C-alpha cells in the first residue's frame, strides 16, 4: 500500500514536471541578440518617442507619465518666459550628439543663445533629466557622464515622485539641492518651490 501510494504520487509529480517543461519550452524563447545599427540608420529613422543611440544600440527612454510630463512642461514654461531676459533658449527632447557614436535626448536642455544646428554637437549650457519610476541611478549616471564628457557645464536631475533635485558639475560632482538650482556665468536659477507644487 505504501509503495503504491508513493508510486502514484511520483507519477503525478513526473507528469507535472513534464507539463512544466513543455510549457517553458514553448513559451520561453532564447533571448535575442542585440541588433546594432549605424549612426546613419539611426539618424534616418523616426522613433516615437525619440530614443537614445549608444554605440550602435537604440535605447528607449522612460517617460510619458503624468508627473514626468507635468514637470517637463513647468521647466519649459519657466525657462521659456526668461529666454530674452537671460539670453538662453529652452528645448524639450532635443537630440544631442555627445560623441561620435552616442546621441542623447535630454528631457529639457538650455542653451546660451540660439543654436543653428538641427542636432546639437556643441554642449548645451544645462541638460535636465526627469526621473521616471522605472529609472535607476546607474543608467542615469551613464547619461550624466556622457553630458559632462561632452562639456555640458550643468546637469540637473529632477525626481518628481520624491520632489528632489540634484545638480551635477564636473568640478563639484553630484549634490542634492533643496531650494534653488543655480548656474554661474550667466546666473540661471530654478526655485524648486515653483516646479514641485
Protein backbone atom coordinates (compact mmCIF):
# COMPACT_ATOMS: atom_id res chain seq x y z
CA UNK A 1 0.00 0.00 0.00
CA UNK A 2 2.71 2.48 0.92
CA UNK A 3 4.70 1.58 -2.18
CA UNK A 4 1.63 2.02 -4.40
CA UNK A 5 0.79 5.47 -2.90
CA UNK A 6 4.39 6.56 -3.25
CA UNK A 7 4.48 5.35 -6.84
CA UNK A 8 1.16 7.07 -7.57
CA UNK A 9 2.43 10.45 -6.29
CA UNK A 10 5.73 10.01 -8.09
CA UNK A 11 3.86 9.53 -11.37
CA UNK A 12 1.80 12.68 -10.74
CA UNK A 13 4.95 14.62 -9.92
CA UNK A 14 6.70 13.42 -13.09
CA UNK A 15 3.63 14.28 -15.18
CA UNK A 16 3.52 17.82 -13.73
CA UNK A 17 7.23 18.30 -14.28
CA UNK A 18 6.85 17.15 -17.88
CA UNK A 19 3.97 19.59 -18.43
CA UNK A 20 6.02 22.40 -16.93
CA UNK A 21 8.99 21.60 -19.13
CA UNK A 22 6.72 21.61 -22.21
CA UNK A 23 5.24 24.93 -21.11
CA UNK A 24 8.64 26.58 -20.65
CA UNK A 25 9.97 25.12 -23.88
CA UNK A 26 7.04 26.61 -25.81
CA UNK A 27 6.77 29.97 -24.05
CA UNK A 28 10.32 30.92 -23.23
CA UNK A 29 12.40 31.65 -26.27
CA UNK A 30 16.13 32.27 -26.19
CA UNK A 31 17.00 35.91 -25.66
CA UNK A 32 17.55 37.64 -28.96
CA UNK A 33 20.95 39.11 -29.54
CA UNK A 34 21.20 42.88 -29.85
CA UNK A 35 20.91 44.30 -33.30
CA UNK A 36 23.36 47.12 -33.82
CA UNK A 37 22.69 49.84 -36.35
CA UNK A 38 24.83 52.55 -37.87
CA UNK A 39 24.70 56.22 -36.91
CA UNK A 40 23.35 56.95 -40.39
CA UNK A 41 20.47 54.49 -39.97
CA UNK A 42 19.65 55.94 -36.53
CA UNK A 43 19.54 59.46 -37.97
CA UNK A 44 17.31 58.34 -40.88
CA UNK A 45 14.79 56.61 -38.62
CA UNK A 46 11.97 58.28 -36.70
CA UNK A 47 11.25 56.95 -33.22
CA UNK A 48 8.13 57.77 -31.21
CA UNK A 49 9.17 58.80 -28.64
CA UNK A 50 12.71 59.54 -29.73
CA UNK A 51 15.39 57.14 -28.49
CA UNK A 52 18.97 57.48 -27.38
CA UNK A 53 21.68 55.94 -29.54
CA UNK A 54 24.66 54.47 -27.71
CA UNK A 55 27.47 52.76 -29.60
CA UNK A 56 25.21 51.20 -32.22
CA UNK A 57 22.31 50.35 -29.93
CA UNK A 58 18.97 52.19 -29.88
CA UNK A 59 17.84 52.68 -26.26
CA UNK A 60 14.31 53.59 -25.24
CA UNK A 61 13.86 56.35 -22.69
CA UNK A 62 11.46 56.18 -19.74
CA UNK A 63 8.82 58.86 -19.97
CA UNK A 64 5.20 59.55 -20.71
CA UNK A 65 3.65 59.54 -17.26
CA UNK A 66 1.75 62.47 -15.78
CA UNK A 67 4.37 63.51 -13.20
CA UNK A 68 7.12 63.43 -15.82
CA UNK A 69 5.11 65.40 -18.38
CA UNK A 70 3.90 67.96 -15.83
CA UNK A 71 7.41 68.67 -14.61
CA UNK A 72 8.73 68.89 -18.16
CA UNK A 73 6.00 71.44 -19.01
CA UNK A 74 6.82 73.53 -15.92
CA UNK A 75 10.51 73.61 -16.86
CA UNK A 76 9.77 74.68 -20.43
CA UNK A 77 7.43 77.44 -19.23
CA UNK A 78 9.87 78.61 -16.54
CA UNK A 79 12.80 78.95 -18.93
CA UNK A 80 10.71 79.94 -21.95
CA UNK A 81 9.47 83.19 -20.42
CA UNK A 82 13.05 84.09 -19.45
CA UNK A 83 14.72 83.40 -22.80
CA UNK A 84 15.12 87.03 -23.90
CA UNK A 85 15.99 88.33 -20.44
CA UNK A 86 18.71 85.70 -19.83
CA UNK A 87 19.88 85.18 -23.42
CA UNK A 88 19.00 81.49 -23.30
CA UNK A 89 16.89 79.08 -25.34
CA UNK A 90 14.99 76.07 -23.98
CA UNK A 91 14.44 72.83 -25.92
CA UNK A 92 12.43 69.74 -24.94
CA UNK A 93 13.70 66.34 -26.11
CA UNK A 94 16.42 67.70 -28.40
CA UNK A 95 18.94 65.29 -29.92
CA UNK A 96 22.42 65.98 -28.60
CA UNK A 97 25.41 64.19 -30.15
CA UNK A 98 27.61 63.73 -27.10
CA UNK A 99 30.34 61.97 -29.10
CA UNK A 100 30.87 60.28 -32.45
CA UNK A 101 28.79 57.20 -31.59
CA UNK A 102 26.38 58.49 -28.95
CA UNK A 103 23.24 60.60 -29.13
CA UNK A 104 21.29 61.52 -26.02
CA UNK A 105 17.90 63.18 -25.75
CA UNK A 106 17.67 65.16 -22.51
CA UNK A 107 14.16 65.82 -21.28
CA UNK A 108 14.97 69.53 -21.40
CA UNK A 109 18.12 71.38 -22.39
CA UNK A 110 19.02 75.04 -22.17
CA UNK A 111 21.50 76.74 -24.48
CA UNK A 112 23.17 80.11 -24.40
CA UNK A 113 21.89 81.97 -27.43
CA UNK A 114 20.09 80.40 -30.37
CA UNK A 115 21.75 77.29 -31.83
CA UNK A 116 21.74 76.80 -35.58
CA UNK A 117 22.27 73.03 -35.60
CA UNK A 118 19.37 70.60 -36.05
CA UNK A 119 21.21 68.08 -33.87
CA UNK A 120 23.34 69.74 -31.22
CA UNK A 121 27.04 68.91 -31.41
CA UNK A 122 28.05 71.83 -29.19
CA UNK A 123 27.38 71.33 -25.47
CA UNK A 124 24.14 72.81 -24.14
CA UNK A 125 24.52 75.01 -21.05
CA UNK A 126 22.17 72.79 -18.97
CA UNK A 127 20.88 69.27 -19.60
CA UNK A 128 17.92 68.28 -17.43
CA UNK A 129 16.82 64.71 -16.81
CA UNK A 130 13.46 63.99 -15.18
CA UNK A 131 13.31 60.64 -13.42
CA UNK A 132 10.50 58.17 -14.11
CA UNK A 133 9.58 55.40 -11.66
CA UNK A 134 11.47 52.85 -13.80
CA UNK A 135 14.71 54.83 -13.87
CA UNK A 136 17.70 53.53 -11.95
CA UNK A 137 20.63 55.68 -10.92
CA UNK A 138 23.33 53.67 -12.78
CA UNK A 139 21.54 54.29 -16.09
CA UNK A 140 21.07 57.99 -15.27
CA UNK A 141 24.73 58.20 -14.27
CA UNK A 142 25.74 56.99 -17.75
CA UNK A 143 23.73 59.84 -19.26
CA UNK A 144 25.28 62.34 -16.83
CA UNK A 145 28.77 61.08 -17.65
CA UNK A 146 28.09 61.50 -21.38
CA UNK A 147 26.91 65.09 -20.88
CA UNK A 148 29.89 66.02 -18.70
CA UNK A 149 32.37 64.37 -21.09
CA UNK A 150 30.86 66.40 -23.93
CA UNK A 151 31.46 69.59 -21.94
CA UNK A 152 27.96 70.35 -20.62
CA UNK A 153 28.65 72.60 -17.60
CA UNK A 154 25.45 71.78 -15.66
CA UNK A 155 23.37 68.62 -15.46
CA UNK A 156 20.24 68.71 -13.32
CA UNK A 157 18.36 65.58 -12.30
CA UNK A 158 14.82 66.00 -11.00
CA UNK A 159 12.72 63.36 -9.27
CA UNK A 160 9.02 64.33 -9.33
CA UNK A 161 7.97 61.45 -7.04
CA UNK A 162 10.41 62.35 -4.26
CA UNK A 163 10.31 66.09 -5.10
CA UNK A 164 14.09 66.09 -5.01
CA UNK A 165 16.73 67.61 -7.25
CA UNK A 166 20.43 67.10 -7.92
CA UNK A 167 22.97 69.36 -9.56
CA UNK A 168 25.94 67.73 -11.23
CA UNK A 169 29.06 69.52 -12.44
CA UNK A 170 32.48 68.26 -13.34
CA UNK A 171 34.09 70.31 -10.54
CA UNK A 172 31.62 69.71 -7.70
CA UNK A 173 30.26 66.26 -8.57
CA UNK A 174 26.69 65.34 -7.61
CA UNK A 175 24.95 67.41 -4.95
CA UNK A 176 21.39 67.30 -3.72
CA UNK A 177 19.71 70.70 -3.87
CA UNK A 178 16.81 71.57 -1.59
CA UNK A 179 15.94 75.15 -2.52
CA UNK A 180 17.20 76.61 -5.83
CA UNK A 181 19.11 75.03 -8.71
CA UNK A 182 21.65 77.60 -9.94
CA UNK A 183 24.28 78.22 -12.58
CA UNK A 184 27.04 80.78 -12.88
CA UNK A 185 28.07 82.89 -15.84
CA UNK A 186 25.29 83.56 -16.62
CA UNK A 187 23.23 83.16 -13.49
CA UNK A 188 20.21 80.98 -14.17
CA UNK A 189 18.01 79.96 -11.26
CA UNK A 190 15.25 77.41 -10.84
CA UNK A 191 13.40 77.62 -7.50
CA UNK A 192 12.25 74.12 -6.64
CA UNK A 193 9.18 75.53 -4.88
CA UNK A 194 7.93 76.68 -8.31
CA UNK A 195 8.17 73.33 -10.02
CA UNK A 196 7.35 70.92 -7.21
CA UNK A 197 3.92 72.38 -6.37
